Protein backbone atom coordinates (compact mmCIF):
# COMPACT_ATOMS: atom_id res chain seq x y z
CA UNK A 1 -2.18 -10.37 -18.18
CA UNK A 2 0.90 -9.92 -20.07
CA UNK A 3 2.51 -6.60 -19.68
CA UNK A 4 6.06 -6.92 -20.94
CA UNK A 5 7.47 -9.63 -23.34
CA UNK A 6 10.81 -8.75 -22.32
CA UNK A 7 13.07 -11.97 -20.90
CA UNK A 8 15.54 -11.05 -18.10
CA UNK A 9 18.79 -10.24 -19.22
CA UNK A 10 21.83 -10.12 -16.58
CA UNK A 11 24.57 -8.26 -16.45
CA UNK A 12 28.17 -9.49 -17.04
CA UNK A 13 29.64 -11.78 -14.36
CA UNK A 14 31.71 -8.59 -14.23
CA UNK A 15 29.60 -6.47 -12.38
CA UNK A 16 29.10 -8.87 -9.55
CA UNK A 17 28.52 -6.64 -6.57
CA UNK A 18 26.62 -9.25 -4.09
CA UNK A 19 26.16 -13.22 -3.96
CA UNK A 20 23.80 -15.00 -1.87
CA UNK A 21 24.97 -18.54 -1.76
CA UNK A 22 22.80 -21.53 -0.36
CA UNK A 23 21.33 -18.92 2.61
CA UNK A 24 19.51 -20.76 5.18
CA UNK A 25 17.86 -19.59 7.94
CA UNK A 26 15.41 -21.38 10.62
CA UNK A 27 13.00 -20.43 13.37
CA UNK A 28 11.35 -22.43 16.03
CA UNK A 29 8.96 -24.08 13.25
CA UNK A 30 9.78 -22.43 10.23
CA UNK A 31 12.27 -22.66 7.78
CA UNK A 32 12.11 -19.06 6.70
CA UNK A 33 15.07 -19.27 4.07
CA UNK A 34 15.82 -22.73 2.50
CA UNK A 35 19.09 -22.68 0.47
CA UNK A 36 18.09 -19.19 -1.30
CA UNK A 37 21.16 -18.48 -3.96
CA UNK A 38 20.77 -14.85 -5.87
CA UNK A 39 23.10 -12.37 -7.76
CA UNK A 40 22.68 -8.92 -7.14
CA UNK A 41 24.54 -6.85 -9.95
CA UNK A 42 26.13 -3.27 -9.66
CA UNK A 43 23.79 -0.31 -11.59
CA UNK A 44 20.86 -3.18 -11.80
CA UNK A 45 17.52 -3.04 -10.01
CA UNK A 46 16.74 -6.27 -8.98
CA UNK A 47 13.21 -7.83 -8.02
CA UNK A 48 12.68 -9.89 -4.65
CA UNK A 49 9.14 -10.94 -5.34
CA UNK A 50 6.67 -13.71 -3.36
CA UNK A 51 3.65 -13.69 -1.13
CA UNK A 52 3.65 -12.86 2.73
CA UNK A 53 5.56 -15.22 4.39
CA UNK A 54 7.54 -16.46 1.49
CA UNK A 55 11.03 -15.57 3.40
CA UNK A 56 11.59 -11.73 1.84
CA UNK A 57 11.59 -10.29 5.05
CA UNK A 58 14.50 -12.63 6.80
CA UNK A 59 16.42 -12.86 3.83
CA UNK A 60 16.68 -8.63 3.32
CA UNK A 61 17.19 -8.76 7.39
CA UNK A 62 20.10 -10.94 6.16
CA UNK A 63 21.60 -8.78 4.06
CA UNK A 64 20.60 -5.63 6.32
CA UNK A 65 23.30 -7.11 9.12
CA UNK A 66 20.06 -7.50 11.30
CA UNK A 67 19.65 -11.50 11.10
CA UNK A 68 22.79 -13.83 10.61
CA UNK A 69 22.25 -16.84 8.49
CA UNK A 70 22.15 -20.45 10.02
CA UNK A 71 24.52 -21.45 7.10
CA UNK A 72 25.42 -20.26 3.38
CA UNK A 73 27.87 -17.57 2.44
CA UNK A 74 27.38 -13.90 2.11
CA UNK A 75 29.87 -12.52 -0.61
CA UNK A 76 30.76 -9.06 -1.43
CA UNK A 77 32.31 -8.75 -4.80
CA UNK A 78 33.41 -12.15 -4.39
CA UNK A 79 34.84 -12.62 -0.90
CA UNK A 80 32.78 -13.68 2.22
CA UNK A 81 31.63 -11.33 4.68
CA UNK A 82 30.02 -11.93 7.63
CA UNK A 83 27.83 -8.79 8.60
CA UNK A 84 27.11 -8.93 12.55
CA UNK A 85 25.41 -5.85 12.99
CA UNK A 86 23.64 -3.06 10.60
CA UNK A 87 26.25 -1.01 11.38
CA UNK A 88 28.78 -3.43 9.54
CA UNK A 89 26.18 -3.89 6.91
CA UNK A 90 26.11 0.30 6.57
CA UNK A 91 30.13 0.22 6.40
CA UNK A 92 29.40 -2.28 3.61
CA UNK A 93 27.55 -0.21 1.67
CA UNK A 94 24.01 -1.17 2.27
CA UNK A 95 21.34 0.71 2.97
CA UNK A 96 17.88 -0.63 3.54
CA UNK A 97 14.08 1.28 3.58
CA UNK A 98 11.91 -1.11 5.33
CA UNK A 99 8.58 -1.05 5.09
CA UNK A 100 8.04 0.38 8.75
CA UNK A 101 9.38 3.66 9.35
CA UNK A 102 11.96 3.92 11.18
CA UNK A 103 11.65 7.84 11.75
CA UNK A 104 11.15 9.64 15.20
CA UNK A 105 8.04 12.01 14.52
CA UNK A 106 9.06 15.04 16.86
CA UNK A 107 12.25 15.38 14.86
CA UNK A 108 13.21 17.33 11.98
CA UNK A 109 13.10 15.52 8.62
CA UNK A 110 16.66 17.15 8.53
CA UNK A 111 18.11 15.62 11.94
CA UNK A 112 16.00 12.20 11.20
CA UNK A 113 18.18 11.82 7.32
CA UNK A 114 21.25 12.78 9.36
CA UNK A 115 20.41 10.59 12.73
CA UNK A 116 23.64 9.10 13.72
CA UNK A 117 25.72 10.97 11.66
CA UNK A 118 25.43 14.37 12.57
CA UNK A 119 28.22 16.58 11.01
CA UNK A 120 30.38 18.47 14.03
CA UNK A 121 32.41 21.62 14.92
CA UNK A 122 34.78 22.83 17.32
CA UNK A 123 36.74 19.44 17.31
CA UNK A 124 33.56 17.25 17.49
CA UNK A 125 32.10 18.85 20.31
CA UNK A 126 29.37 20.27 18.57
CA UNK A 127 26.43 19.21 16.27
CA UNK A 128 27.12 21.20 13.17
CA UNK A 129 23.53 22.16 12.47
CA UNK A 130 24.13 24.58 9.50
CA UNK A 131 25.50 21.34 7.80
CA UNK A 132 22.91 18.98 8.87
CA UNK A 133 20.43 21.48 6.83
CA UNK A 134 22.22 22.12 4.00
CA UNK A 135 23.09 18.10 3.25
CA UNK A 136 19.16 17.31 4.17
CA UNK A 137 18.52 20.37 1.21
CA UNK A 138 20.96 19.08 -0.81
CA UNK A 139 19.45 15.23 -0.98
CA UNK A 140 15.93 16.69 -1.08
CA UNK A 141 17.03 18.58 -3.79
CA UNK A 142 18.08 15.52 -5.57
CA UNK A 143 14.80 13.79 -4.86
CA UNK A 144 12.97 16.69 -6.26
CA UNK A 145 10.71 17.01 -3.06
CA UNK A 146 9.58 19.94 -2.09
CA UNK A 147 9.64 19.40 1.49
CA UNK A 148 11.38 21.83 4.11
CA UNK A 149 14.45 20.29 6.09
CA UNK A 150 12.93 22.07 9.29
CA UNK A 151 10.07 20.55 9.02
CA UNK A 152 8.77 18.23 11.95
CA UNK A 153 8.67 14.24 10.79
CA UNK A 154 5.31 13.96 12.77
CA UNK A 155 3.54 16.66 10.58
CA UNK A 156 4.14 15.53 6.97
CA UNK A 157 1.67 12.90 5.17
CA UNK A 158 2.54 9.46 5.21
CA UNK A 159 3.71 9.49 1.31
CA UNK A 160 6.07 12.09 2.39
CA UNK A 161 7.52 10.19 5.78
CA UNK A 162 8.02 7.20 2.81
CA UNK A 163 10.14 9.76 0.88
CA UNK A 164 12.29 11.07 3.59
CA UNK A 165 12.95 7.84 4.14
CA UNK A 166 14.21 6.55 0.75
CA UNK A 167 15.94 10.16 1.44
CA UNK A 168 17.97 8.80 4.98
CA UNK A 169 19.14 5.74 3.28
CA UNK A 170 20.08 7.12 0.22
CA UNK A 171 22.38 10.03 2.61
CA UNK A 172 24.67 6.73 3.47
CA UNK A 173 26.34 6.74 0.02
CA UNK A 174 25.24 3.28 -0.36
CA UNK A 175 26.28 0.76 -3.26
CA UNK A 176 23.21 -1.47 -2.39
CA UNK A 177 20.15 0.27 -1.56
CA UNK A 178 17.12 -2.28 -0.64
CA UNK A 179 13.63 -1.27 -0.56
CA UNK A 180 10.69 -3.01 0.92
CA UNK A 181 7.52 -1.89 -0.55
CA UNK A 182 8.72 1.22 -1.30
CA UNK A 183 5.50 2.53 -3.00
CA UNK A 184 3.01 1.50 -0.90
CA UNK A 185 2.12 4.96 0.43
CA UNK A 186 2.65 6.61 -2.86
CA UNK A 187 0.63 7.94 -5.49
CA UNK A 188 0.93 7.75 -9.35
CA UNK A 189 3.25 11.13 -9.33
CA UNK A 190 5.10 10.25 -6.12
CA UNK A 191 5.91 6.60 -7.85
CA UNK A 192 7.36 7.87 -10.90
CA UNK A 193 9.38 10.61 -9.19
CA UNK A 194 11.19 7.39 -7.07
CA UNK A 195 11.84 5.27 -10.13
CA UNK A 196 13.19 8.26 -12.17
CA UNK A 197 15.90 8.43 -8.83
CA UNK A 198 16.51 4.76 -8.99
CA UNK A 199 17.33 4.98 -12.17
CA UNK A 200 19.49 7.23 -12.14
CA UNK A 201 20.99 5.59 -8.92
CA UNK A 202 21.46 2.67 -11.38
CA UNK A 203 23.05 4.44 -14.21
CA UNK A 204 25.87 5.14 -11.69
CA UNK A 205 26.59 1.89 -11.07
CA UNK A 206 24.68 1.46 -7.83
CA UNK A 207 22.76 -2.21 -7.20
CA UNK A 208 19.42 -1.99 -5.98
CA UNK A 209 17.17 -4.57 -4.36
CA UNK A 210 13.53 -3.92 -4.88
CA UNK A 211 10.59 -5.48 -2.66
CA UNK A 212 7.08 -4.87 -3.84
CA UNK A 213 3.83 -6.29 -4.18
CA UNK A 214 2.61 -4.07 -7.15
CA UNK A 215 3.36 -6.06 -9.75
CA UNK A 216 2.37 -3.95 -12.91
CA UNK A 217 5.32 -1.81 -11.21
CA UNK A 218 8.08 -4.36 -11.10
CA UNK A 219 7.69 -5.10 -14.55
CA UNK A 220 8.42 -1.57 -15.70
CA UNK A 221 11.18 -1.02 -13.77
CA UNK A 222 13.45 -3.93 -12.45
CA UNK A 223 16.10 -5.60 -14.37
CA UNK A 224 15.81 -9.03 -13.31
CA UNK A 225 13.84 -10.74 -10.40
CA UNK A 226 13.64 -13.44 -8.03
CA UNK A 227 10.98 -15.15 -6.62
CA UNK A 228 10.53 -17.26 -3.47
CA UNK A 229 7.92 -19.21 -2.33
CA UNK A 230 7.52 -20.97 0.75
CA UNK A 231 11.16 -20.20 1.49
CA UNK A 232 12.88 -21.85 -1.34
CA UNK A 233 13.81 -20.01 -4.70
CA UNK A 234 11.25 -20.74 -7.02
CA UNK A 235 12.18 -18.72 -9.89
CA UNK A 236 15.65 -17.92 -10.34
CA UNK A 237 16.75 -14.83 -12.38
CA UNK A 238 16.22 -15.49 -16.28
CA UNK A 239 13.69 -18.34 -15.78
CA UNK A 240 10.65 -16.21 -16.20
CA UNK A 241 9.46 -13.88 -18.44
CA UNK A 242 9.41 -10.48 -16.84
CA UNK A 243 4.97 -10.31 -17.24
CA UNK A 244 2.71 -10.25 -14.53
CA UNK A 245 0.50 -13.30 -15.39
CA UNK A 246 4.00 -15.83 -15.53
CA UNK A 247 5.12 -13.84 -12.11
CA UNK A 248 1.93 -14.36 -10.54
CA UNK A 249 2.04 -18.24 -11.28
CA UNK A 250 5.85 -18.63 -9.99
CA UNK A 251 4.75 -16.89 -6.68
CA UNK A 252 1.63 -18.88 -5.81
CA UNK A 253 2.45 -21.91 -7.81
CA UNK A 254 -0.40 -22.21 -10.27
CA UNK A 255 -2.07 -20.56 -12.88
CA UNK A 256 -4.56 -18.09 -11.28
CA UNK A 257 -6.11 -16.51 -14.64
CA UNK A 258 -7.31 -12.84 -14.50
CA UNK A 259 -5.47 -10.45 -12.43
CA UNK A 260 -8.46 -8.47 -11.87
CA UNK A 261 -11.03 -10.59 -11.65
CA UNK A 262 -13.72 -8.14 -12.06
CA UNK A 263 -17.17 -8.74 -11.88
CA UNK A 264 -20.11 -6.61 -13.24
CA UNK A 265 -22.95 -6.22 -10.96
CA UNK A 266 -23.93 -2.69 -10.96
CA UNK A 267 -27.55 -1.58 -11.06
CA UNK A 268 -29.34 1.69 -11.71
CA UNK A 269 -31.18 2.27 -8.27
CA UNK A 270 -29.15 5.02 -6.31
CA UNK A 271 -28.84 3.92 -3.07
CA UNK A 272 -26.15 7.10 -1.56
CA UNK A 273 -26.47 10.72 -2.75
CA UNK A 274 -24.44 13.34 -1.49
CA UNK A 275 -24.75 16.82 -2.70
CA UNK A 276 -22.44 19.74 -1.60
CA UNK A 277 -20.86 18.06 0.78
CA UNK A 278 -18.26 20.66 2.39
CA UNK A 279 -16.31 19.49 5.43
CA UNK A 280 -13.20 21.69 7.61
CA UNK A 281 -10.77 19.38 6.04
CA UNK A 282 -10.65 20.51 2.41
CA UNK A 283 -13.94 18.60 0.64
CA UNK A 284 -15.23 21.56 -0.94
CA UNK A 285 -19.03 20.84 -2.95
CA UNK A 286 -18.64 17.22 -3.31
CA UNK A 287 -21.79 15.88 -5.71
CA UNK A 288 -21.88 11.84 -6.41
CA UNK A 289 -24.53 8.92 -6.66
CA UNK A 290 -23.51 5.96 -6.07
CA UNK A 291 -25.68 2.30 -7.20
CA UNK A 292 -26.45 -0.93 -5.80
CA UNK A 293 -24.04 -3.29 -6.70
CA UNK A 294 -20.96 -0.99 -8.27
CA UNK A 295 -17.98 -0.02 -7.65
CA UNK A 296 -17.56 3.17 -7.28
CA UNK A 297 -13.38 4.65 -7.80
CA UNK A 298 -12.40 7.64 -6.57
CA UNK A 299 -9.54 8.57 -8.38
CA UNK A 300 -6.34 11.26 -8.22
CA UNK A 301 -3.04 11.91 -6.83
CA UNK A 302 -2.47 11.67 -3.40
CA UNK A 303 -3.77 15.02 -1.68
CA UNK A 304 -6.70 15.42 -4.04
CA UNK A 305 -9.22 14.79 -1.13
CA UNK A 306 -9.88 10.90 -1.98
CA UNK A 307 -9.76 10.23 2.08
CA UNK A 308 -11.28 13.17 3.03
CA UNK A 309 -14.10 12.60 1.29
CA UNK A 310 -14.86 8.91 2.32
CA UNK A 311 -14.26 10.57 5.92
CA UNK A 312 -16.95 12.85 4.87
CA UNK A 313 -19.10 10.26 4.07
CA UNK A 314 -18.97 8.13 6.91
CA UNK A 315 -19.22 10.88 9.64
CA UNK A 316 -15.14 10.62 10.89
CA UNK A 317 -15.27 14.75 9.76
CA UNK A 318 -18.15 16.83 10.44
CA UNK A 319 -20.14 18.22 7.26
CA UNK A 320 -19.65 22.03 7.39
CA UNK A 321 -22.27 21.90 4.36
CA UNK A 322 -24.33 20.12 2.19
CA UNK A 323 -26.71 17.01 2.64
CA UNK A 324 -26.49 12.84 2.11
CA UNK A 325 -29.63 10.87 1.48
CA UNK A 326 -29.27 6.91 2.14
CA UNK A 327 -32.30 5.20 -0.01
CA UNK A 328 -33.76 8.60 -0.66
CA UNK A 329 -34.25 9.39 2.67
CA UNK A 330 -32.31 12.37 4.08
CA UNK A 331 -29.62 11.44 6.89
CA UNK A 332 -28.60 14.01 10.25
CA UNK A 333 -24.68 12.67 10.05
CA UNK A 334 -23.71 13.70 13.66
CA UNK A 335 -20.84 10.89 13.16
CA UNK A 336 -19.63 7.53 12.47
CA UNK A 337 -22.56 5.99 14.62
CA UNK A 338 -24.84 7.80 12.24
CA UNK A 339 -23.35 6.49 9.49
CA UNK A 340 -23.62 2.80 11.12
CA UNK A 341 -26.88 2.88 11.39
CA UNK A 342 -27.63 3.63 8.38
CA UNK A 343 -25.40 0.82 6.77
CA UNK A 344 -22.29 2.50 5.71
CA UNK A 345 -18.77 1.15 6.70
CA UNK A 346 -15.34 2.45 6.22
CA UNK A 347 -12.16 0.27 6.02
CA UNK A 348 -9.88 2.84 6.59
CA UNK A 349 -6.00 3.45 4.72
CA UNK A 350 -4.02 2.75 7.90
CA UNK A 351 -5.47 -0.35 9.22
CA UNK A 352 -2.72 -0.80 12.33
CA UNK A 353 -3.87 2.85 13.85
CA UNK A 354 -7.13 3.52 12.51
CA UNK A 355 -9.10 0.05 12.00
CA UNK A 356 -7.54 -2.95 13.93
CA UNK A 357 -7.33 -3.70 18.10
CA UNK A 358 -3.80 -5.24 17.60
CA UNK A 359 -3.88 -6.67 20.90
CA UNK A 360 -6.96 -8.38 19.99
CA UNK A 361 -7.74 -11.70 18.13
CA UNK A 362 -10.47 -11.35 15.59
CA UNK A 363 -13.62 -12.48 17.71
CA UNK A 364 -13.28 -9.14 19.16
CA UNK A 365 -12.27 -7.07 16.20
CA UNK A 366 -15.19 -8.41 14.09
CA UNK A 367 -17.67 -7.81 17.27
CA UNK A 368 -16.49 -4.58 17.96
CA UNK A 369 -19.19 -2.11 15.78
CA UNK A 370 -21.92 -3.87 17.17
CA UNK A 371 -21.83 -5.29 20.77
CA UNK A 372 -25.26 -5.48 21.13
CA UNK A 373 -25.50 -8.44 19.09
CA UNK A 374 -23.39 -10.63 21.27
CA UNK A 375 -25.21 -9.85 24.54
CA UNK A 376 -27.07 -12.29 26.35
CA UNK A 377 -29.35 -9.26 28.56
CA UNK A 378 -26.41 -7.36 30.39
CA UNK A 379 -24.16 -10.01 30.04
CA UNK A 380 -21.46 -10.54 27.16
CA UNK A 381 -21.53 -13.99 25.37
CA UNK A 382 -17.96 -15.02 24.59
CA UNK A 383 -19.57 -18.42 23.02
CA UNK A 384 -21.74 -16.10 20.51
CA UNK A 385 -18.85 -13.84 20.00
CA UNK A 386 -16.67 -16.97 19.27
CA UNK A 387 -19.21 -18.77 16.74
CA UNK A 388 -19.73 -15.48 14.85
CA UNK A 389 -16.55 -14.93 14.47
CA UNK A 390 -15.33 -18.50 12.96
CA UNK A 391 -18.71 -18.34 10.83
CA UNK A 392 -16.80 -14.74 8.91
CA UNK A 393 -13.57 -16.97 9.73
CA UNK A 394 -14.69 -19.32 7.63
CA UNK A 395 -16.57 -17.47 4.79
CA UNK A 396 -13.98 -14.97 4.07
CA UNK A 397 -11.31 -17.96 4.18
CA UNK A 398 -9.37 -15.82 6.79
CA UNK A 399 -6.55 -18.16 8.28
CA UNK A 400 -7.93 -20.20 11.14
CA UNK A 401 -5.19 -18.69 13.55
CA UNK A 402 -7.07 -15.73 13.72
CA UNK A 403 -9.72 -16.81 16.06
CA UNK A 404 -6.86 -17.70 18.53
CA UNK A 405 -3.89 -15.10 17.85
CA UNK A 406 -3.93 -11.65 17.96
CA UNK A 407 -4.39 -10.07 14.63
CA UNK A 408 -0.96 -8.07 14.82
CA UNK A 409 0.17 -11.67 14.09
CA UNK A 410 -1.67 -12.31 11.08
CA UNK A 411 -0.88 -11.23 7.44
CA UNK A 412 -1.65 -7.63 5.93
CA UNK A 413 -4.58 -9.61 3.46
CA UNK A 414 -6.07 -11.65 6.45
CA UNK A 415 -5.93 -8.20 8.82
CA UNK A 416 -8.22 -6.57 6.10
CA UNK A 417 -10.57 -9.41 5.55
CA UNK A 418 -11.16 -9.29 9.47
CA UNK A 419 -11.63 -5.20 8.68
CA UNK A 420 -14.64 -6.82 6.07
CA UNK A 421 -15.65 -8.98 8.55
CA UNK A 422 -16.53 -6.25 10.96
CA UNK A 423 -18.76 -4.23 8.64
CA UNK A 424 -20.30 -7.25 6.94
CA UNK A 425 -21.45 -8.10 10.51
CA UNK A 426 -22.61 -4.90 11.32
CA UNK A 427 -25.28 -4.98 8.56
CA UNK A 428 -23.53 -2.91 6.32
CA UNK A 429 -24.91 -1.98 2.52
CA UNK A 430 -22.27 0.94 1.72
CA UNK A 431 -18.79 -0.13 2.32
CA UNK A 432 -16.03 2.25 1.83
CA UNK A 433 -12.50 0.93 0.80
CA UNK A 434 -9.50 3.03 1.55
CA UNK A 435 -6.69 1.47 -0.13
CA UNK A 436 -7.95 -1.95 1.00
CA UNK A 437 -4.71 -3.71 -0.81
CA UNK A 438 -2.10 -1.51 0.52
CA UNK A 439 1.20 -3.66 1.71
CA UNK A 440 -0.78 -7.22 0.58
CA UNK A 441 0.28 -10.06 -1.62
CA UNK A 442 -0.97 -11.06 -4.84
CA UNK A 443 -2.79 -14.29 -3.51
CA UNK A 444 -4.30 -11.43 -0.72
CA UNK A 445 -5.10 -9.45 -3.56
CA UNK A 446 -7.11 -11.87 -5.05
CA UNK A 447 -8.88 -12.72 -2.34
CA UNK A 448 -10.08 -9.06 -1.63
CA UNK A 449 -11.17 -8.53 -5.29
CA UNK A 450 -13.43 -12.02 -4.65
CA UNK A 451 -14.49 -10.12 -1.58
CA UNK A 452 -15.47 -7.22 -4.06
CA UNK A 453 -17.25 -9.27 -6.07
CA UNK A 454 -19.18 -10.69 -3.20
CA UNK A 455 -20.36 -7.78 -2.10
CA UNK A 456 -21.64 -6.33 -5.02
CA UNK A 457 -23.15 -9.18 -5.90
CA UNK A 458 -25.12 -9.32 -2.97
CA UNK A 459 -26.26 -5.90 -3.72
CA UNK A 460 -24.10 -4.12 -1.47
CA UNK A 461 -22.45 -0.65 -2.81
CA UNK A 462 -18.69 -0.26 -3.12
CA UNK A 463 -16.44 3.01 -2.75
CA UNK A 464 -12.77 1.90 -3.67
CA UNK A 465 -9.69 4.84 -2.87
CA UNK A 466 -6.61 2.99 -4.15
CA UNK A 467 -3.27 5.00 -5.89
CA UNK A 468 -2.82 1.57 -7.57
CA UNK A 469 -4.33 3.08 -10.87
CA UNK A 470 -4.32 -0.39 -12.68
CA UNK A 471 -6.38 -2.03 -10.12
CA UNK A 472 -8.50 0.89 -9.34
CA UNK A 473 -9.40 0.86 -13.41
CA UNK A 474 -9.93 -2.69 -13.61
CA UNK A 475 -12.13 -3.38 -10.51
CA UNK A 476 -14.10 -0.19 -10.98
CA UNK A 477 -17.82 0.01 -12.52
CA UNK A 478 -17.35 3.70 -12.70
CA UNK A 479 -14.49 6.43 -11.42
CA UNK A 480 -14.36 9.97 -9.98
CA UNK A 481 -11.80 12.32 -10.52
CA UNK A 482 -10.99 13.80 -7.69
CA UNK A 483 -8.75 17.56 -7.37
CA UNK A 484 -8.67 19.84 -4.13
CA UNK A 485 -11.65 18.35 -2.34
CA UNK A 486 -13.85 18.19 -5.77
CA UNK A 487 -15.16 15.58 -7.81
CA UNK A 488 -14.55 17.13 -11.39
CA UNK A 489 -16.10 14.34 -13.57
CA UNK A 490 -17.86 11.03 -12.87
CA UNK A 491 -16.86 8.48 -16.12
CA UNK A 492 -17.19 4.52 -16.86
CA UNK A 493 -14.04 3.04 -15.52
CA UNK A 494 -13.61 2.28 -19.21
CA UNK A 495 -13.36 6.17 -20.32
CA UNK A 496 -10.67 6.76 -17.98
CA UNK A 497 -6.95 6.51 -18.24
CA UNK A 498 -4.13 6.28 -16.55
CA UNK A 499 -3.09 10.05 -17.58
CA UNK A 500 -6.74 10.65 -16.77
CA UNK A 501 -5.74 9.35 -13.55
CA UNK A 502 -3.08 12.11 -12.71
CA UNK A 503 -3.63 14.96 -15.58
CA UNK A 504 -7.33 14.90 -15.68
CA UNK A 505 -7.21 15.56 -11.84
CA UNK A 506 -4.56 18.70 -12.07
CA UNK A 507 -5.51 20.13 -15.75
CA UNK A 508 -9.73 18.83 -15.77
CA UNK A 509 -10.17 21.27 -19.08
CA UNK A 510 -8.06 19.32 -21.04
CA UNK A 511 -10.07 16.61 -20.75
CA UNK A 512 -13.62 17.63 -21.41
CA UNK A 513 -17.10 15.02 -20.37
CA UNK A 514 -19.60 15.44 -23.14
CA UNK A 515 -22.23 17.75 -22.39
CA UNK A 516 -24.75 14.79 -22.93
CA UNK A 517 -22.99 12.14 -21.19
CA UNK A 518 -25.59 10.46 -18.22
CA UNK A 519 -22.45 10.08 -16.05
CA UNK A 520 -21.06 13.35 -16.03
CA UNK A 521 -21.44 15.53 -12.44
CA UNK A 522 -21.35 19.38 -12.14
CA UNK A 523 -19.79 20.50 -8.89
CA UNK A 524 -20.18 23.76 -10.15
CA UNK A 525 -16.05 24.55 -10.82
CA UNK A 526 -14.89 26.20 -14.11
CA UNK A 527 -14.54 23.93 -16.91
């Protein structure tokens, strides 16, 4: 899918800020970086792209002083440098925002932003807390964030925590800003805000190294990019057009065809009906129908209530009003166990904390929701569990290592497939996927898309939440637009635009649905 026909235009050599020359880093059994060379220019946003395991993380750790190369050279403004520690890298103007948060939850936003650099008073004896709050407020204002500096980080949403991480890095007056998957937890409004900030920083001469699996946003943002594959440079800056299809080919090493391989398997048979759903977690009178073989997308801005609707359908948040029917039969939904027995599954947004047991391998993770099926009388049958796990590992093309390794040691895409395997094992016919491709690479995304097609082809119904609007529009049959915990309209996906997913969620009256449209859902809300 071509997004942009531009050819990369590297900056002039005079603008060179950092050079990586023939960087090699070897760990036991793996050559993570193999002779990588790359140039970063002041006033440019440079993308670093590649599948999980291609060497991106190792390379940014070398730039950040966390690790040192076994061979090769780093040059700053043309001079060789050695950065033995993160503090040495920061002294050279390098600030890194990692995919995993480094915030301290019980401290305030202001305390986190100035951590390790608290301004002092009275000869350095006391922390100047007023200056801490003022400084944090200034950087938050520059980002355009309406976050109280005195708020505890633990009380922020995941998206807000990500933006605080970026504010913390920017407060260091960095000349090189490294962002590792900065938009993973962000919605479209937050992404637009962040990209606007990055463009302003670029205009001030800051060099930005941008790592993201969201290729559609990459081609709209970066000035140049490098693609890694199996620890080597697969495409250096200027060798590949700024085009999604060509980037994917460079990343994977083959033409994968369609970026979003959507199948149309929806039928007219309604398998789930929700009427007037309400919860204490902001779900307010939700009406929707889900059909056999379809993908129903929930679209809207972060905080609109998409995840809360998913949790209500799964019984994770108790209903305070409304009713659900499965196959026309009312469902008494007292908790997740009732949903599981009715064939409803939820793959949560945060697979690390809400989905997987990281100290177990794939087998226990897959069978956990249906232990009775792997018992022999009163005894647990480990052999049956292993056989069950192997069947799903084969069918879903999970890495074979998942049979023996704990799931924290396999990639995000494989983790996601293990979670889906759990619910297939329970016999679930209604699968709710909350951000199913968040934080995984293009190869793993394609595997998830193919798995969604397999589910709908087999007659399963899928509810999908995604903050990646291109993904949501491409992989859904219909999209329910969510605003403040309500479903304001349901339309065929080809009748929904990017603008609808943001502005329609904020002002639905600007995008009325024709009264004779049978897919319109009335919520009783004034239009």
